[in-house]
Amino acid sequence: MLSGSSRAIEIVKVVSQHQWDYLLGLLSAQLGTAADTQPSLPAPEVLCRMLTELGPVFVKVGQLLSTRPDLLPDPYVRALARLQSSVPPAPWSEVEQRLLEQWQRPPSEMFASFATTPLAAGSIGQVHRAELADGRSVAVKVLRPGIERQVEEDGQLLRQIAALAAQTPLGSSYDLPGLAEQLVASLEGEIDFRREAGNTERLADVLKRSSFVGDGRLRVPGLFREFSGPAVLVLEWLTGDPILSQEARSALEQRAGGVEAATDALLGAFVEQFFVEGFFDADPHPGNLMVASDGTITILDLGMVGSFDPRTRTLVLDLVLALLNEDPARATDLLVQLAPPKASTADRRGLRRQLDQLIRANFAKPLQQLNFAHFLADLLQIASNSGLQVPGNLGLFVKAITNLEGVGRALTPEFNFSEAMKPLVSRLMARALLLPQQRVMQFGLDLRSLLLESPRQLSGLLQRFSGDELVFAFQLQGLDRLLANLDVLSRRIALAILVAALLMSATVMATQSELQVLRQLSQGLFVAANVLGVWLVVSLMRSGRR
């Protein structure tokens, strides 16, 4: 059962107001009694209202769940992605105390001016505008006072709710306790602004040395690390308009290449993040993309990022290529490598059949109607339903693709993600071929890993052999015929060995023995060997004619 805190009682009250049968199902599963109706997931709009009423932490949980299209149907993913908490700003007295704890000095001593009224307030923090002593304007993002304790308390309750839900028929299909741990870990990471500061600096470095984005078309706000810390983030103040506004479109059109060049640069920057850097902004929605008067695009809010290790980068790139080339067989193999099966075996044939149907259904449409983000989301749903364990970073990847495709279509109606990806992927492949040193390094690392892991794996294999724990399972077509052929073959081999043995025995007896009886016996052995040899030759000739 849930702990008896006032917060737990509040959660029960909110859930019971919106979805009593769901709460009843959870309680019945915990008590071991049968409910009249099996609980089902609340409707998307109802779920969003519940999370909003439960407060900022659960709103953030909903936003994080929108990155998992493998777990939730598309209506839920779209509804949760739009989820925004209506949170009033914290009182200035509390914010000032937070700043004093961070800087050990009041804001009036740190800045020439500091606006006490926030420009925006969210579930995690709020933003104030300030001015440095040298006249530069900055944005000061302050962690909401008390959010750490709220995340800790709501995180514990979220784990308990997941444990209860896991005992229902609906929840037993997923690893809800594991998902709860991932969500709580993400929340704990977001309330430490040092993480966002590091993300900002890293992406700035990626854009600076990018070979896909020229002439400084993309940027992130500069970081003032000397003023930033766990609870405060100070960034360069940049002006501009939301990327989908008419003012932003006018600014993009005035720059060389116009809107099309801006779209290509934006997509190229993220392709490089996905497949070269293995580090990417997971939330490039229109509200986080701002266009300056000179047409420069600024990427804001790097609190949610994804990462791919080198192996995953290669597999994801190969998977995208297989999908663009409409190759379900290769896509199946790559998907199983990216998302290993939950059980020891997986229905690869069924997975391939579903992928084949998905590819045919989507690529049979005109290119203008192909929604690549929805296609990838359906792909992850199929993988999850087939018993594969889809990692969370793939969900973040699909979320980023969804936002990018939406921005591209809004800027250019004829924009097609799959067609725009093909030349970018070709550039990536050519670049990979032109970097033999990196390939040699990767080969060396793979070889080193093989040498280090092989003794341990061989030891484990031998232990399983000695302990009678090793079981091989094969599923072969035409096994009966194969066994019959093996039986015939083994008999012929045995007969050939017997003929050779008889000939050798007869030869030894005839040449080495002085007894007349053994010489006569050797003659009999010669005769027997000849008869059996002739029979074996005839048998082989007959089988060759079949």
Protein backbone atom coordinates (compact mmCIF):
# COMPACT_ATOMS: atom_id res chain seq x y z
CA MET A 1 0.00 0.00 0.00
CA LEU A 2 0.99 3.64 -0.38
CA SER A 3 2.60 5.32 2.59
CA GLY A 4 0.21 7.25 4.78
CA SER A 5 1.70 10.71 4.18
CA SER A 6 -0.50 13.67 3.32
CA ARG A 7 1.01 13.65 -0.18
CA ALA A 8 -0.05 10.03 -0.70
CA ILE A 9 -3.58 10.87 0.45
CA GLU A 10 -3.63 13.77 -2.00
CA ILE A 11 -2.57 11.47 -4.86
CA VAL A 12 -5.31 8.94 -3.99
CA LYS A 13 -7.86 11.76 -3.90
CA VAL A 14 -6.88 13.11 -7.32
CA VAL A 15 -6.81 9.67 -8.97
CA SER A 16 -10.14 8.65 -7.44
CA GLN A 17 -11.81 11.83 -8.74
CA HIS A 18 -10.80 11.09 -12.33
CA GLN A 19 -10.45 7.31 -12.60
CA TRP A 20 -11.99 5.43 -9.68
CA ASP A 21 -12.01 2.05 -11.47
CA TYR A 22 -8.26 2.32 -12.06
CA LEU A 23 -7.60 3.04 -8.39
CA LEU A 24 -9.97 0.21 -7.43
CA GLY A 25 -8.05 -2.17 -9.67
CA LEU A 26 -4.74 -1.19 -8.05
CA LEU A 27 -6.12 -1.69 -4.55
CA SER A 28 -7.74 -5.02 -5.50
CA ALA A 29 -4.44 -6.30 -6.92
CA GLN A 30 -2.67 -5.31 -3.71
CA LEU A 31 -5.33 -6.97 -1.50
CA GLY A 32 -5.53 -10.06 -3.68
CA THR A 33 -9.24 -9.64 -4.46
CA ALA A 34 -10.93 -9.56 -7.84
CA ALA A 35 -12.33 -6.28 -9.06
CA ASP A 36 -15.52 -6.08 -11.10
CA THR A 37 -13.62 -4.47 -13.96
CA GLN A 38 -10.00 -4.68 -14.94
CA PRO A 39 -8.28 -1.28 -14.74
CA SER A 40 -7.41 0.40 -17.99
CA LEU A 41 -5.21 3.40 -18.68
CA PRO A 42 -7.16 6.69 -18.38
CA ALA A 43 -7.94 8.56 -21.60
CA PRO A 44 -5.14 10.89 -22.73
CA GLU A 45 -6.98 14.07 -21.71
CA VAL A 46 -7.93 12.60 -18.33
CA LEU A 47 -4.36 11.44 -17.71
CA CYS A 48 -3.03 14.93 -18.50
CA ARG A 49 -5.52 16.55 -16.10
CA MET A 50 -4.53 14.09 -13.37
CA LEU A 51 -0.83 14.79 -13.79
CA THR A 52 -1.41 18.55 -13.86
CA GLU A 53 -3.37 18.42 -10.60
CA LEU A 54 -0.71 16.22 -8.98
CA GLY A 55 1.83 19.00 -9.41
CA PRO A 56 5.09 19.93 -11.13
CA VAL A 57 6.90 16.64 -10.50
CA PHE A 58 4.17 14.53 -12.08
CA VAL A 59 3.89 16.99 -14.97
CA LYS A 60 7.58 16.42 -15.61
CA VAL A 61 6.97 12.65 -15.38
CA GLY A 62 4.31 13.01 -18.07
CA GLN A 63 6.72 14.93 -20.29
CA LEU A 64 9.33 12.22 -19.81
CA LEU A 65 6.77 9.51 -20.67
CA SER A 66 6.12 11.34 -23.95
CA THR A 67 9.63 10.22 -24.96
CA ARG A 68 8.62 6.54 -24.81
CA PRO A 69 6.51 5.75 -27.90
CA ASP A 70 7.38 2.08 -27.33
CA LEU A 71 5.29 2.10 -24.13
CA LEU A 72 2.34 4.35 -24.95
CA PRO A 73 0.10 4.66 -28.02
CA ASP A 74 0.51 7.73 -30.20
CA PRO A 75 -2.50 9.69 -28.75
CA TYR A 76 -0.93 9.51 -25.28
CA VAL A 77 2.53 10.48 -26.56
CA ARG A 78 1.16 13.55 -28.37
CA ALA A 79 -1.01 14.60 -25.40
CA LEU A 80 1.82 14.24 -22.88
CA ALA A 81 4.28 16.08 -25.14
CA ARG A 82 1.98 19.14 -24.96
CA LEU A 83 1.67 18.87 -21.20
CA GLN A 84 2.67 22.10 -19.46
CA SER A 85 2.26 22.87 -15.80
CA SER A 86 0.54 26.07 -14.81
CA VAL A 87 2.81 26.91 -11.89
CA PRO A 88 2.81 30.34 -10.23
CA PRO A 89 6.26 31.82 -9.66
CA ALA A 90 7.90 31.39 -6.27
CA PRO A 91 7.90 34.46 -4.00
CA TRP A 92 10.92 36.72 -4.45
CA SER A 93 11.93 36.29 -0.82
CA GLU A 94 12.39 32.54 -1.35
CA VAL A 95 14.20 33.04 -4.66
CA GLU A 96 16.52 35.61 -3.11
CA GLN A 97 17.36 33.18 -0.32
CA ARG A 98 18.16 30.50 -2.91
CA LEU A 99 20.50 32.92 -4.74
CA LEU A 100 22.15 33.92 -1.48
CA GLU A 101 22.85 30.26 -0.67
CA GLN A 102 24.39 29.80 -4.12
CA TRP A 103 26.54 32.94 -4.30
CA GLN A 104 27.05 33.77 -0.59
CA ARG A 105 26.24 37.33 -1.63
CA PRO A 106 22.95 39.06 -2.46
CA PRO A 107 22.10 39.58 -6.16
CA SER A 108 22.47 43.35 -5.74
CA GLU A 109 26.21 42.86 -5.21
CA MET A 110 26.58 40.48 -8.15
CA PHE A 111 24.68 42.41 -10.83
CA ALA A 112 24.12 45.98 -11.89
CA SER A 113 20.39 45.22 -11.97
CA PHE A 114 18.22 42.19 -11.27
CA ALA A 115 14.52 41.91 -12.15
CA THR A 116 12.62 40.46 -9.19
CA THR A 117 9.63 39.57 -11.37
CA PRO A 118 10.34 36.40 -13.39
CA LEU A 119 9.91 36.30 -17.15
CA ALA A 120 8.76 32.68 -17.04
CA ALA A 121 8.03 30.04 -14.40
CA GLY A 122 8.09 26.29 -14.92
CA SER A 123 7.85 23.11 -12.91
CA ILE A 124 11.58 22.99 -12.14
CA GLY A 125 12.69 26.63 -12.14
CA GLN A 126 11.97 30.19 -13.16
CA VAL A 127 13.87 32.73 -15.27
CA HIS A 128 14.82 36.30 -14.32
CA ARG A 129 16.58 38.92 -16.41
CA ALA A 130 19.65 40.66 -15.00
CA GLU A 131 22.46 42.95 -16.15
CA LEU A 132 26.16 42.47 -15.45
CA ALA A 133 28.45 45.26 -14.32
CA ASP A 134 29.81 45.61 -17.90
CA GLY A 135 26.30 46.15 -19.26
CA ARG A 136 25.69 42.70 -20.79
CA SER A 137 22.22 41.23 -20.26
CA VAL A 138 21.88 37.68 -18.92
CA ALA A 139 19.12 35.20 -18.21
CA VAL A 140 19.24 33.78 -14.67
CA LYS A 141 17.49 30.43 -14.27
CA VAL A 142 16.80 29.66 -10.61
CA LEU A 143 15.83 26.26 -9.24
CA ARG A 144 12.38 26.37 -7.65
CA PRO A 145 12.74 26.48 -3.84
CA GLY A 146 11.78 23.19 -2.20
CA ILE A 147 11.79 21.22 -5.46
CA GLU A 148 14.50 18.81 -4.19
CA ARG A 149 12.35 17.65 -1.28
CA GLN A 150 9.30 17.40 -3.54
CA VAL A 151 11.18 15.28 -6.07
CA GLU A 152 12.42 12.99 -3.30
CA GLU A 153 8.96 12.51 -1.78
CA ASP A 154 7.08 12.17 -5.07
CA GLY A 155 9.83 9.89 -6.37
CA GLN A 156 9.27 7.46 -3.50
CA LEU A 157 5.52 7.55 -4.10
CA LEU A 158 6.05 7.01 -7.82
CA ARG A 159 8.03 3.85 -7.04
CA GLN A 160 5.20 2.61 -4.81
CA ILE A 161 2.56 3.36 -7.46
CA ALA A 162 4.64 1.50 -10.06
CA ALA A 163 4.92 -1.51 -7.73
CA LEU A 164 1.12 -1.53 -7.27
CA ALA A 165 0.41 -1.08 -10.98
CA ALA A 166 2.84 -3.90 -11.86
CA GLN A 167 0.46 -6.36 -10.14
CA THR A 168 -2.45 -5.58 -12.50
CA PRO A 169 -2.95 -7.32 -15.87
CA LEU A 170 -2.16 -4.04 -17.65
CA GLY A 171 0.96 -3.29 -15.63
CA SER A 172 2.36 -6.82 -15.70
CA SER A 173 3.18 -6.41 -19.39
CA TYR A 174 5.82 -3.77 -18.60
CA ASP A 175 8.74 -3.33 -16.25
CA LEU A 176 7.01 -0.51 -14.37
CA PRO A 177 9.36 -0.51 -11.34
CA GLY A 178 12.33 -0.23 -13.71
CA LEU A 179 10.61 2.56 -15.65
CA ALA A 180 9.89 4.40 -12.38
CA GLU A 181 13.58 4.23 -11.47
CA GLN A 182 14.52 5.71 -14.86
CA LEU A 183 12.01 8.55 -14.49
CA VAL A 184 13.14 9.38 -10.95
CA ALA A 185 16.78 9.36 -12.07
CA SER A 186 15.92 11.77 -14.92
CA LEU A 187 14.11 14.07 -12.49
CA GLU A 188 17.05 14.05 -10.10
CA GLY A 189 19.34 14.98 -12.99
CA GLU A 190 17.14 17.91 -14.06
CA ILE A 191 17.19 19.56 -10.63
CA ASP A 192 20.97 19.92 -10.83
CA PHE A 193 21.67 22.77 -13.24
CA ARG A 194 25.32 21.75 -13.54
CA ARG A 195 24.12 19.05 -15.90
CA GLU A 196 22.36 21.56 -18.17
CA ALA A 197 25.45 23.82 -18.02
CA GLY A 198 27.63 20.95 -19.22
CA ASN A 199 25.14 20.12 -21.98
CA THR A 200 25.17 23.76 -23.15
CA GLU A 201 28.95 23.92 -23.34
CA ARG A 202 29.18 20.58 -25.10
CA LEU A 203 26.60 21.45 -27.75
CA ALA A 204 28.27 24.83 -28.32
CA ASP A 205 31.52 22.99 -29.04
CA VAL A 206 29.73 20.55 -31.38
CA LEU A 207 28.17 23.39 -33.40
CA LYS A 208 31.45 25.31 -33.52
CA ARG A 209 33.37 22.49 -35.23
CA SER A 210 30.43 21.09 -37.20
CA SER A 211 30.98 20.16 -40.83
CA PHE A 212 27.22 20.10 -41.44
CA VAL A 213 26.42 23.63 -40.23
CA GLY A 214 28.28 26.45 -41.90
CA ASP A 215 28.57 30.22 -41.37
CA GLY A 216 27.43 30.10 -37.73
CA ARG A 217 23.79 29.58 -38.65
CA LEU A 218 23.06 27.72 -35.39
CA ARG A 219 24.15 28.58 -31.85
CA VAL A 220 23.37 28.15 -28.16
CA PRO A 221 23.46 30.89 -25.50
CA GLY A 222 26.86 31.48 -23.94
CA LEU A 223 27.34 30.17 -20.40
CA PHE A 224 28.64 32.24 -17.49
CA ARG A 225 30.11 29.42 -15.46
CA GLU A 226 31.48 31.70 -12.72
CA PHE A 227 27.88 32.60 -11.76
CA SER A 228 26.34 29.15 -12.33
CA GLY A 229 25.99 26.22 -9.93
CA PRO A 230 23.66 23.41 -8.83
CA ALA A 231 20.69 25.75 -8.25
CA VAL A 232 21.44 28.65 -10.62
CA LEU A 233 22.18 28.79 -14.34
CA VAL A 234 23.31 32.09 -15.90
CA LEU A 235 23.21 32.30 -19.70
CA GLU A 236 23.76 34.95 -22.33
CA TRP A 237 20.62 36.97 -23.06
CA LEU A 238 19.71 36.59 -26.73
CA THR A 239 16.83 38.23 -28.54
CA GLY A 240 14.73 36.68 -31.27
CA ASP A 241 11.35 35.31 -32.27
CA PRO A 242 9.90 31.76 -32.11
CA ILE A 243 10.95 29.86 -35.22
CA LEU A 244 7.39 29.41 -36.53
CA SER A 245 6.47 33.11 -36.24
CA GLN A 246 6.14 35.33 -39.27
CA GLU A 247 8.98 37.55 -38.01
CA ALA A 248 11.29 34.53 -37.82
CA ARG A 249 10.35 33.43 -41.34
CA SER A 250 11.17 36.89 -42.69
CA ALA A 251 14.56 36.81 -40.98
CA LEU A 252 15.33 33.33 -42.39
CA GLU A 253 14.34 34.39 -45.91
CA GLN A 254 16.73 37.34 -45.83
CA ARG A 255 19.73 35.13 -45.10
CA ALA A 256 21.58 33.31 -47.90
CA GLY A 257 19.71 30.16 -48.91
CA GLY A 258 16.49 31.23 -47.27
CA VAL A 259 14.20 28.92 -45.30
CA GLU A 260 15.35 25.80 -47.15
CA ALA A 261 18.99 26.35 -46.16
CA ALA A 262 17.94 26.91 -42.55
CA THR A 263 15.96 23.66 -42.53
CA ASP A 264 18.89 21.76 -44.04
CA ALA A 265 21.28 23.23 -41.47
CA LEU A 266 18.97 22.36 -38.58
CA LEU A 267 18.51 18.77 -39.77
CA GLY A 268 22.22 18.41 -40.57
CA ALA A 269 23.20 19.61 -37.11
CA PHE A 270 21.04 16.97 -35.47
CA VAL A 271 22.16 14.21 -37.84
CA GLU A 272 25.72 15.02 -36.79
CA GLN A 273 24.67 14.97 -33.13
CA PHE A 274 22.93 11.61 -33.55
CA PHE A 275 25.50 9.70 -35.56
CA VAL A 276 28.86 11.44 -35.07
CA GLU A 277 28.84 12.94 -31.59
CA GLY A 278 26.42 10.52 -29.92
CA PHE A 279 25.06 13.46 -27.90
CA PHE A 280 21.89 15.29 -28.92
CA ASP A 281 19.26 17.75 -27.78
CA ALA A 282 16.18 15.58 -27.23
CA ASP A 283 13.62 18.40 -27.14
CA PRO A 284 14.04 20.71 -30.17
CA HIS A 285 10.36 21.72 -30.24
CA PRO A 286 9.40 25.10 -31.80
CA GLY A 287 9.34 26.83 -28.40
CA ASN A 288 13.01 25.97 -27.89
CA LEU A 289 14.14 27.32 -31.29
CA MET A 290 14.50 31.10 -31.64
CA VAL A 291 15.51 33.11 -34.71
CA ALA A 292 17.48 36.36 -34.44
CA SER A 293 17.05 39.29 -36.82
CA ASP A 294 20.07 38.12 -38.85
CA GLY A 295 18.54 34.65 -39.39
CA THR A 296 20.68 32.84 -36.80
CA ILE A 297 18.82 30.01 -35.04
CA THR A 298 19.34 29.70 -31.28
CA ILE A 299 18.74 26.36 -29.52
CA LEU A 300 17.35 26.88 -26.01
CA ASP A 301 16.81 24.69 -22.93
CA LEU A 302 19.20 21.73 -22.91
CA GLY A 303 17.76 20.10 -19.81
CA MET A 304 16.73 16.98 -21.77
CA VAL A 305 19.44 15.36 -23.88
CA GLY A 306 20.09 11.87 -25.22
CA SER A 307 23.27 9.94 -25.83
CA PHE A 308 24.43 7.03 -27.97
CA ASP A 309 27.57 5.00 -27.33
CA PRO A 310 29.69 4.23 -30.45
CA ARG A 311 28.10 0.82 -30.99
CA THR A 312 24.56 2.21 -30.70
CA ARG A 313 25.40 5.08 -33.07
CA THR A 314 26.50 2.60 -35.72
CA LEU A 315 23.48 0.36 -35.22
CA VAL A 316 20.98 3.25 -35.32
CA LEU A 317 22.56 4.63 -38.49
CA ASP A 318 22.44 1.17 -40.11
CA LEU A 319 18.82 0.81 -39.01
CA VAL A 320 17.85 4.15 -40.56
CA LEU A 321 19.59 3.12 -43.79
CA ALA A 322 17.79 -0.24 -43.81
CA LEU A 323 14.44 1.50 -43.34
CA LEU A 324 15.14 4.07 -46.06
CA ASN A 325 16.16 1.21 -48.37
CA GLU A 326 13.00 -0.74 -47.39
CA ASP A 327 14.97 -3.76 -46.17
CA PRO A 328 12.88 -5.50 -43.44
CA ALA A 329 15.30 -8.44 -43.04
CA ARG A 330 18.26 -6.23 -42.12
CA ALA A 331 16.05 -3.93 -40.07
CA THR A 332 14.93 -6.94 -38.01
CA ASP A 333 18.51 -8.03 -37.29
CA LEU A 334 19.55 -4.51 -36.28
CA LEU A 335 16.49 -3.95 -34.10
CA VAL A 336 17.16 -7.16 -32.17
CA GLN A 337 20.73 -5.99 -31.57
CA LEU A 338 19.56 -2.56 -30.40
CA ALA A 339 16.78 -3.90 -28.17
CA PRO A 340 17.71 -7.40 -26.90
CA PRO A 341 14.77 -9.75 -26.22
CA LYS A 342 13.33 -9.87 -22.70
CA ALA A 343 13.24 -13.67 -22.83
CA SER A 344 15.92 -16.02 -24.12
CA THR A 345 14.27 -16.23 -27.51
CA ALA A 346 12.26 -13.88 -29.70
CA ASP A 347 9.90 -14.46 -32.60
CA ARG A 348 12.21 -12.99 -35.24
CA ARG A 349 10.07 -14.33 -38.05
CA GLY A 350 6.96 -12.63 -36.67
CA LEU A 351 8.91 -9.41 -36.04
CA ARG A 352 10.21 -9.41 -39.61
CA ARG A 353 6.71 -9.98 -40.97
CA GLN A 354 5.36 -7.01 -38.98
CA LEU A 355 8.24 -4.78 -40.06
CA ASP A 356 7.69 -5.78 -43.68
CA GLN A 357 4.01 -4.81 -43.38
CA LEU A 358 4.91 -1.51 -41.67
CA ILE A 359 7.49 -0.59 -44.33
CA ARG A 360 5.15 -1.48 -47.18
CA ALA A 361 2.25 0.48 -45.65
CA ASN A 362 4.33 3.62 -45.12
CA PHE A 363 6.54 3.72 -48.21
CA ALA A 364 3.59 2.92 -50.46
CA LYS A 365 2.28 6.43 -49.70
CA PRO A 366 3.38 9.51 -51.64
CA LEU A 367 6.51 10.92 -50.03
CA GLN A 368 4.67 14.08 -48.99
CA GLN A 369 2.34 11.95 -46.83
CA LEU A 370 5.06 9.87 -45.17
CA ASN A 371 5.46 10.84 -41.51
CA PHE A 372 8.84 9.38 -40.60
CA ALA A 373 8.48 10.14 -36.88
CA HIS A 374 5.20 8.24 -36.63
CA PHE A 375 6.78 5.46 -38.65
CA LEU A 376 9.63 5.17 -36.11
CA ALA A 377 7.17 5.31 -33.20
CA ASP A 378 5.19 2.42 -34.72
CA LEU A 379 8.48 0.58 -35.17
CA LEU A 380 9.28 0.85 -31.45
CA GLN A 381 5.73 -0.22 -30.55
CA ILE A 382 6.15 -3.36 -32.66
CA ALA A 383 9.52 -4.04 -31.05
CA SER A 384 8.08 -3.68 -27.54
CA ASN A 385 5.04 -5.86 -28.34
CA SER A 386 7.40 -8.49 -29.77
CA GLY A 387 9.21 -8.87 -26.46
CA LEU A 388 12.19 -6.61 -27.13
CA GLN A 389 13.57 -4.32 -24.42
CA VAL A 390 13.62 -0.91 -26.09
CA PRO A 391 16.20 1.38 -24.41
CA GLY A 392 15.07 4.84 -23.35
CA ASN A 393 17.61 6.63 -25.57
CA LEU A 394 15.78 5.32 -28.64
CA GLY A 395 12.62 6.98 -27.33
CA LEU A 396 14.52 10.27 -26.97
CA PHE A 397 15.82 9.83 -30.52
CA VAL A 398 12.27 9.42 -31.86
CA LYS A 399 11.10 12.44 -29.83
CA ALA A 400 13.84 14.58 -31.36
CA ILE A 401 12.95 13.32 -34.86
CA THR A 402 9.27 14.10 -34.19
CA ASN A 403 10.06 17.70 -33.27
CA LEU A 404 12.46 18.19 -36.17
CA GLU A 405 10.03 16.80 -38.72
CA GLY A 406 7.25 19.00 -37.31
CA VAL A 407 9.42 22.12 -37.60
CA GLY A 408 10.53 21.17 -41.11
CA ARG A 409 6.96 20.64 -42.33
CA ALA A 410 5.82 23.91 -40.72
CA LEU A 411 8.62 25.88 -42.41
CA THR A 412 8.41 24.10 -45.77
CA PRO A 413 5.13 22.30 -46.59
CA GLU A 414 6.82 20.04 -49.19
CA PHE A 415 9.51 18.99 -46.67
CA ASN A 416 10.05 15.22 -46.56
CA PHE A 417 12.20 13.86 -43.77
CA SER A 418 13.28 10.61 -45.43
CA GLU A 419 14.30 12.39 -48.65
CA ALA A 420 16.17 15.08 -46.71
CA MET A 421 18.00 12.41 -44.72
CA LYS A 422 19.40 10.49 -47.69
CA PRO A 423 22.10 13.00 -48.79
CA LEU A 424 23.05 13.62 -45.16
CA VAL A 425 23.46 9.92 -44.49
CA SER A 426 25.50 9.59 -47.70
CA ARG A 427 27.82 12.31 -46.42
CA LEU A 428 28.14 10.47 -43.13
CA MET A 429 29.06 7.22 -44.90
CA ALA A 430 31.65 8.99 -47.11
CA ARG A 431 33.08 10.71 -44.06
CA ALA A 432 33.36 7.40 -42.24
CA LEU A 433 35.25 5.88 -45.19
CA LEU A 434 37.65 8.82 -45.24
CA LEU A 435 38.62 8.41 -41.60
CA PRO A 436 40.72 5.21 -41.55
CA GLN A 437 42.42 6.18 -38.28
CA GLN A 438 39.12 6.12 -36.43
CA ARG A 439 38.26 2.80 -38.06
CA VAL A 440 41.62 1.36 -37.04
CA MET A 441 41.09 2.62 -33.50
CA GLN A 442 37.62 1.09 -33.39
CA PHE A 443 38.99 -2.21 -34.73
CA GLY A 444 41.74 -2.12 -32.09
CA LEU A 445 39.22 -1.50 -29.32
CA ASP A 446 37.00 -4.33 -30.58
CA LEU A 447 40.02 -6.66 -30.75
CA ARG A 448 41.12 -5.64 -27.25
CA SER A 449 37.61 -6.29 -25.94
CA LEU A 450 37.60 -9.70 -27.62
CA LEU A 451 40.95 -10.65 -26.06
CA LEU A 452 39.85 -9.48 -22.62
CA GLU A 453 36.40 -11.04 -22.68
CA SER A 454 37.18 -14.36 -24.39
CA PRO A 455 38.92 -16.07 -21.41
CA ARG A 456 36.07 -15.16 -19.07
CA GLN A 457 33.43 -16.29 -21.56
CA LEU A 458 35.30 -19.54 -22.26
CA SER A 459 35.63 -20.18 -18.52
CA GLY A 460 31.91 -19.66 -18.06
CA LEU A 461 31.16 -21.99 -20.97
CA LEU A 462 33.38 -24.73 -19.53
CA GLN A 463 31.76 -24.34 -16.12
CA ARG A 464 28.33 -24.78 -17.67
CA PHE A 465 29.59 -27.87 -19.50
CA SER A 466 30.97 -29.39 -16.30
CA GLY A 467 27.83 -28.53 -14.35
CA ASP A 468 25.44 -29.97 -16.93
CA GLU A 469 23.83 -26.54 -17.24
CA LEU A 470 24.41 -25.97 -20.94
CA VAL A 471 21.39 -26.64 -23.13
CA PHE A 472 21.35 -26.21 -26.90
CA ALA A 473 18.03 -25.68 -28.64
CA PHE A 474 17.75 -26.00 -32.43
CA GLN A 475 14.77 -25.66 -34.72
CA LEU A 476 15.55 -27.21 -38.11
CA GLN A 477 13.31 -27.80 -41.11
CA GLY A 478 13.54 -31.24 -42.75
CA LEU A 479 15.19 -32.72 -39.67
CA ASP A 480 13.88 -36.27 -40.30
CA ARG A 481 15.40 -36.40 -43.78
CA LEU A 482 18.66 -34.99 -42.47
CA LEU A 483 18.83 -37.62 -39.73
CA ALA A 484 18.11 -40.39 -42.25
CA ASN A 485 20.91 -39.18 -44.52
CA LEU A 486 23.28 -38.96 -41.57
CA ASP A 487 22.37 -42.50 -40.58
CA VAL A 488 23.14 -43.84 -44.07
CA LEU A 489 26.36 -41.87 -44.19
CA SER A 490 27.51 -43.15 -40.81
CA ARG A 491 26.86 -46.76 -41.88
CA ARG A 492 28.92 -46.31 -45.04
CA ILE A 493 31.76 -44.73 -43.09
CA ALA A 494 31.67 -47.61 -40.63
CA LEU A 495 31.69 -50.12 -43.51
CA ALA A 496 34.63 -48.38 -45.16
CA ILE A 497 36.54 -48.50 -41.87
CA LEU A 498 35.71 -52.18 -41.52
CA VAL A 499 36.94 -52.94 -45.07
CA ALA A 500 40.18 -51.06 -44.39
CA ALA A 501 40.64 -52.91 -41.11
CA LEU A 502 40.08 -56.31 -42.77
CA LEU A 503 42.60 -55.51 -45.51
CA MET A 504 45.22 -54.39 -43.02
CA SER A 505 44.68 -57.46 -40.82
CA ALA A 506 44.91 -59.81 -43.80
CA THR A 507 48.10 -58.13 -45.01
CA VAL A 508 49.76 -58.37 -41.61
CA MET A 509 48.80 -62.05 -41.20
CA ALA A 510 49.99 -63.00 -44.68
CA THR A 511 53.35 -61.29 -44.41
CA GLN A 512 54.29 -61.66 -40.77
CA SER A 513 52.85 -65.00 -39.67
CA GLU A 514 54.59 -68.37 -40.22
CA LEU A 515 51.55 -70.46 -39.22
CA GLN A 516 49.59 -72.02 -42.07
CA VAL A 517 46.28 -71.51 -40.24
CA LEU A 518 46.78 -67.73 -39.99
CA ARG A 519 47.75 -67.52 -43.67
CA GLN A 520 44.52 -69.30 -44.61
CA LEU A 521 42.59 -66.96 -42.33
CA SER A 522 44.20 -63.97 -44.03
CA GLN A 523 42.97 -65.24 -47.38
CA GLY A 524 39.44 -65.38 -45.96
CA LEU A 525 39.79 -61.84 -44.70
CA PHE A 526 40.91 -60.70 -48.16
CA VAL A 527 37.82 -62.28 -49.70
CA ALA A 528 35.50 -60.71 -47.12
CA ALA A 529 37.12 -57.30 -47.58
CA ASN A 530 36.74 -57.51 -51.36
CA VAL A 531 33.07 -58.51 -51.13
CA LEU A 532 32.25 -55.71 -48.70
CA GLY A 533 34.26 -53.23 -50.79
CA VAL A 534 32.39 -54.13 -53.98
CA TRP A 535 29.07 -53.81 -52.14
CA LEU A 536 30.08 -50.35 -50.82
CA VAL A 537 31.08 -49.13 -54.32
CA VAL A 538 27.79 -50.36 -55.82
CA SER A 539 25.83 -48.64 -53.05
CA LEU A 540 27.64 -45.35 -53.64
CA MET A 541 27.04 -45.52 -57.40
CA ARG A 542 23.32 -46.15 -56.88
CA SER A 543 22.95 -43.21 -54.50
CA GLY A 544 24.74 -40.95 -56.98
CA ARG A 545 22.09 -41.63 -59.65
CA ARG A 546 19.23 -40.45 -57.39
